[in-house]
Amino acid sequence: MRTTLTLEDDLSRGLKERARASGKSFKEVVNETIRRGLSVGDRPPEDDEPFRVQARACGFRSGVDPLKLNQLYDEMELEDARRKIDLSVYEP
């Protein structure tokens, strides 16, 4: 089937580069690429490895004592309670 297709510049460049590197015609590369895209659908290709996050220890900022985090939380809670009490005193 013959049809006219308008490609964006980056896609056209990529397809032409792929055709040049493989020694295939532009038409063959376009058809293979579309066929591959349609066969995959919405699921990722099975040959790709799953993305994995590499965790690393970052520690705390300088001046933060991890042994006193509960104390910090208590102080913040106390400060919040004081603020609520101060606001309730001034409410009519």
C-alpha atoms as a PDB file:
ATOM      1  CA  MET A   1       0.000   0.000   0.000  1.00  0.00           C
ATOM      2  CA  ARG A   2       1.335   3.397  -0.898  1.00  0.00           C
ATOM      3  CA  THR A   3       0.638   6.350   1.397  1.00  0.00           C
ATOM      4  CA  THR A   4       2.055   9.767   2.260  1.00  0.00           C
ATOM      5  CA  LEU A   5       3.405  10.180   5.771  1.00  0.00           C
ATOM      6  CA  THR A   6       4.718  13.362   7.389  1.00  0.00           C
ATOM      7  CA  LEU A   7       7.494  12.650   9.909  1.00  0.00           C
ATOM      8  CA  GLU A   8       8.924  15.022  12.456  1.00  0.00           C
ATOM      9  CA  ASP A   9      12.542  15.976  11.789  1.00  0.00           C
ATOM     10  CA  ASP A  10      14.042  14.033  14.703  1.00  0.00           C
ATOM     11  CA  LEU A  11      12.195  10.848  13.717  1.00  0.00           C
ATOM     12  CA  SER A  12      13.211  11.188  10.098  1.00  0.00           C
ATOM     13  CA  ARG A  13      16.873  11.660  11.088  1.00  0.00           C
ATOM     14  CA  GLY A  14      16.779   8.656  13.400  1.00  0.00           C
ATOM     15  CA  LEU A  15      15.197   6.408  10.779  1.00  0.00           C
ATOM     16  CA  LYS A  16      17.649   7.530   8.107  1.00  0.00           C
ATOM     17  CA  GLU A  17      20.595   6.885  10.430  1.00  0.00           C
ATOM     18  CA  ARG A  18      19.242   3.438  11.265  1.00  0.00           C
ATOM     19  CA  ALA A  19      18.775   2.663   7.546  1.00  0.00           C
ATOM     20  CA  ARG A  20      22.305   3.810   6.749  1.00  0.00           C
ATOM     21  CA  ALA A  21      23.830   1.800   9.620  1.00  0.00           C
ATOM     22  CA  SER A  22      21.924  -1.384   8.768  1.00  0.00           C
ATOM     23  CA  GLY A  23      22.273  -1.150   5.001  1.00  0.00           C
ATOM     24  CA  LYS A  24      18.508  -1.463   4.613  1.00  0.00           C
ATOM     25  CA  SER A  25      16.258   0.870   2.664  1.00  0.00           C
ATOM     26  CA  PHE A  26      14.437   3.691   4.417  1.00  0.00           C
ATOM     27  CA  LYS A  27      11.136   1.984   3.594  1.00  0.00           C
ATOM     28  CA  GLU A  28      12.261  -1.286   5.239  1.00  0.00           C
ATOM     29  CA  VAL A  29      13.416   0.487   8.385  1.00  0.00           C
ATOM     30  CA  VAL A  30      10.168   2.481   8.666  1.00  0.00           C
ATOM     31  CA  ASN A  31       8.071  -0.673   8.250  1.00  0.00           C
ATOM     32  CA  GLU A  32      10.158  -2.673  10.770  1.00  0.00           C
ATOM     33  CA  THR A  33      10.016   0.136  13.307  1.00  0.00           C
ATOM     34  CA  ILE A  34       6.260   0.569  13.014  1.00  0.00           C
ATOM     35  CA  ARG A  35       5.732  -3.202  13.103  1.00  0.00           C
ATOM     36  CA  ARG A  36       7.893  -3.496  16.254  1.00  0.00           C
ATOM     37  CA  GLY A  37       6.016  -0.620  17.895  1.00  0.00           C
ATOM     38  CA  LEU A  38       2.623  -2.117  17.123  1.00  0.00           C
ATOM     39  CA  SER A  39       3.613  -5.555  18.401  1.00  0.00           C
ATOM     40  CA  VAL A  40       4.813  -4.204  21.734  1.00  0.00           C
ATOM     41  CA  GLY A  41       1.720  -2.113  22.412  1.00  0.00           C
ATOM     42  CA  ASP A  42       1.579  -0.575  25.871  1.00  0.00           C
ATOM     43  CA  ARG A  43       3.731  -3.163  27.615  1.00  0.00           C
ATOM     44  CA  PRO A  44       7.509  -2.688  27.835  1.00  0.00           C
ATOM     45  CA  PRO A  45       9.764  -4.903  25.708  1.00  0.00           C
ATOM     46  CA  GLU A  46      10.516  -8.165  27.503  1.00  0.00           C
ATOM     47  CA  ASP A  47      14.228  -8.120  26.693  1.00  0.00           C
ATOM     48  CA  ASP A  48      14.790  -4.887  28.643  1.00  0.00           C
ATOM     49  CA  GLU A  49      16.017  -5.263  32.194  1.00  0.00           C
ATOM     50  CA  PRO A  50      13.728  -3.707  34.821  1.00  0.00           C
ATOM     51  CA  PHE A  51      14.832  -0.351  36.190  1.00  0.00           C
ATOM     52  CA  ARG A  52      16.466  -0.711  39.578  1.00  0.00           C
ATOM     53  CA  VAL A  53      17.216   2.032  42.081  1.00  0.00           C
ATOM     54  CA  GLN A  54      20.618   1.879  43.707  1.00  0.00           C
ATOM     55  CA  ALA A  55      20.162   2.995  47.298  1.00  0.00           C
ATOM     56  CA  ARG A  56      23.006   4.692  49.102  1.00  0.00           C
ATOM     57  CA  ALA A  57      23.456   5.949  52.619  1.00  0.00           C
ATOM     58  CA  CYS A  58      23.169   9.733  52.791  1.00  0.00           C
ATOM     59  CA  GLY A  59      23.252  10.236  56.526  1.00  0.00           C
ATOM     60  CA  PHE A  60      21.977  13.311  58.342  1.00  0.00           C
ATOM     61  CA  ARG A  61      22.933  16.927  57.870  1.00  0.00           C
ATOM     62  CA  SER A  62      25.678  18.167  60.119  1.00  0.00           C
ATOM     63  CA  GLY A  63      24.316  19.247  63.468  1.00  0.00           C
ATOM     64  CA  VAL A  64      21.465  16.708  63.485  1.00  0.00           C
ATOM     65  CA  ASP A  65      21.926  14.063  66.163  1.00  0.00           C
ATOM     66  CA  PRO A  66      20.033  10.927  65.086  1.00  0.00           C
ATOM     67  CA  LEU A  67      19.900   9.817  68.717  1.00  0.00           C
ATOM     68  CA  LYS A  68      17.827  12.872  69.613  1.00  0.00           C
ATOM     69  CA  LEU A  69      15.171  12.707  66.877  1.00  0.00           C
ATOM     70  CA  ASN A  70      12.436  11.772  69.379  1.00  0.00           C
ATOM     71  CA  GLN A  71      13.419  14.751  71.494  1.00  0.00           C
ATOM     72  CA  LEU A  72      13.177  17.015  68.448  1.00  0.00           C
ATOM     73  CA  TYR A  73       9.718  15.629  67.642  1.00  0.00           C
ATOM     74  CA  ASP A  74       8.581  16.212  71.237  1.00  0.00           C
ATOM     75  CA  GLU A  75       9.845  19.800  71.127  1.00  0.00           C
ATOM     76  CA  MET A  76       8.014  20.445  67.858  1.00  0.00           C
ATOM     77  CA  GLU A  77       4.801  18.980  69.272  1.00  0.00           C
ATOM     78  CA  LEU A  78       5.127  21.141  72.381  1.00  0.00           C
ATOM     79  CA  GLU A  79       5.700  24.239  70.245  1.00  0.00           C
ATOM     80  CA  ASP A  80       2.591  23.436  68.195  1.00  0.00           C
ATOM     81  CA  ALA A  81       0.495  22.935  71.355  1.00  0.00           C
ATOM     82  CA  ARG A  82       1.697  26.284  72.776  1.00  0.00           C
ATOM     83  CA  ARG A  83       0.781  28.033  69.521  1.00  0.00           C
ATOM     84  CA  LYS A  84      -2.729  26.536  69.669  1.00  0.00           C
ATOM     85  CA  ILE A  85      -3.166  27.601  73.289  1.00  0.00           C
ATOM     86  CA  ASP A  86      -1.985  31.158  72.489  1.00  0.00           C
ATOM     87  CA  LEU A  87      -4.461  31.377  69.618  1.00  0.00           C
ATOM     88  CA  SER A  88      -7.361  30.139  71.734  1.00  0.00           C
ATOM     89  CA  VAL A  89      -6.681  32.778  74.379  1.00  0.00           C
ATOM     90  CA  TYR A  90      -7.072  35.600  71.841  1.00  0.00           C
ATOM     91  CA  GLU A  91     -10.177  34.228  70.157  1.00  0.00           C
ATOM     92  CA  PRO A  92     -13.419  36.011  71.196  1.00  0.00           C
END
